[in-house]
Each structure stands twice: as structure tokens, then as C-alpha cells.
Amino acid sequence: MHMKSAKTDQWYIFNIVPKFGKDRFSMIKMIHVVPAYIIVNKLNEPIHFRGYTETTNLITACNPGDQIPFHFDPQAIKQIQCSFEPGEWSANLDFASVGKVHCRAVKKGVEMLLRIELFLEGGTCFVFIEESRYWPFVLENQSDYPLNFNQLGCDTITRKLEPKSVMQYAWDAPSEKSK
């Protein structure tokens, strides 16, 4: 269910979850209105989110330990981006990709690895975000030649792996279907 605020351009996205009542109301279906998306910040610092579109200017901040509903224009692609400082946005993260995914975020000029877990519970998609110390892939070049590579479907970022070296890696575009 989508609703637009009468006073601002803010959209609100809710799901309707029917449940049977308890005790003497056990034969009655109760309708629960719940937020469609909830962001849970497990980091030690605030992080910002936005729904991904070219014209998005609605940014939501989530303080450490907070759980906040996340609302965005329903006409927008169902992807989000995160940032420690607005302007340094991560790659797109797809709400349809339930499970764990890693993404890169820049904090004060230093690239960090974030682990994002999406799971559904009772009509709500929970998005847990925390810092990860373990990269999902390790690439090793044992040849005598440098290796230039990029993720399939992400031609804008090319990485270079020097000869006889090792690189920790996470997908540059975690929302791409074919990696």
C-alpha cells in the first residue's frame, strides 16, 4: 500500500498482514498495517540511505542501533544506496535479493566493506547493515603479468591485480543478476 503525504512529497509504503486474533477473538481476522521496509543500523556510527533514482533527493539517516522505517517513491526502482557522507553513495542494493550481500562504502576517503542482510518477516523486509572484516572473495594473480578485470554488467569499474599479488574483493555491483 502506497500513500503520499498531503503536506510534503514524502511517500509512505506499508504492507497489510492479516492474522487471526487471540483468545476470544481467535475466529476474527485482524489486519495489521506494517512498514514495508525497516533499516537496522548495527554500525557504531550513523549511515544515510536513499531510494535509487537519478533525481532522488530524499535521504534518510539512521543512527547507531536504530531501527527505522524506510519509505521512498514507489515509482522508483526498488533499490537503495547507502553512504556515510551524502555524495559518496554505494552501489545499488536490490530489495528483491533476500539474503546476505557485501557492498563497498567510502568513509572519510577510506573504502569500507559493509555486510547487508535482507530478510522477510511478517510482511516487512528488514535490512540489517553492519561492518564486515571478511571479504567474500580473495583473488590471486600468480602470473608474471598484471590482470585487469571487471564485473560482468559493470563496465564502468575496472580493477588491476598486479603480478604475484593478492586482492580482497567484493562485487562492485551486488544487484546485478549475472555476476
Foldseek 3Di string as FASTA:
>chain_A
DWDADPVDRFIFAWDWFWDQDDDPRRVPIDIDIGGAEKEAEQEQAKKKKWQDDPPTPDIDIDGHGDIGRDGDDPVTAQWMWMAPDPPFTKATDHLVPAAKAWIWYADPNDIFIKIWHWDDDRNYIYIYIYGDPAAPDKDFAQDQAKDWDAAVVCVPDIDIDHHGDMDRDGHRHRPDPHD
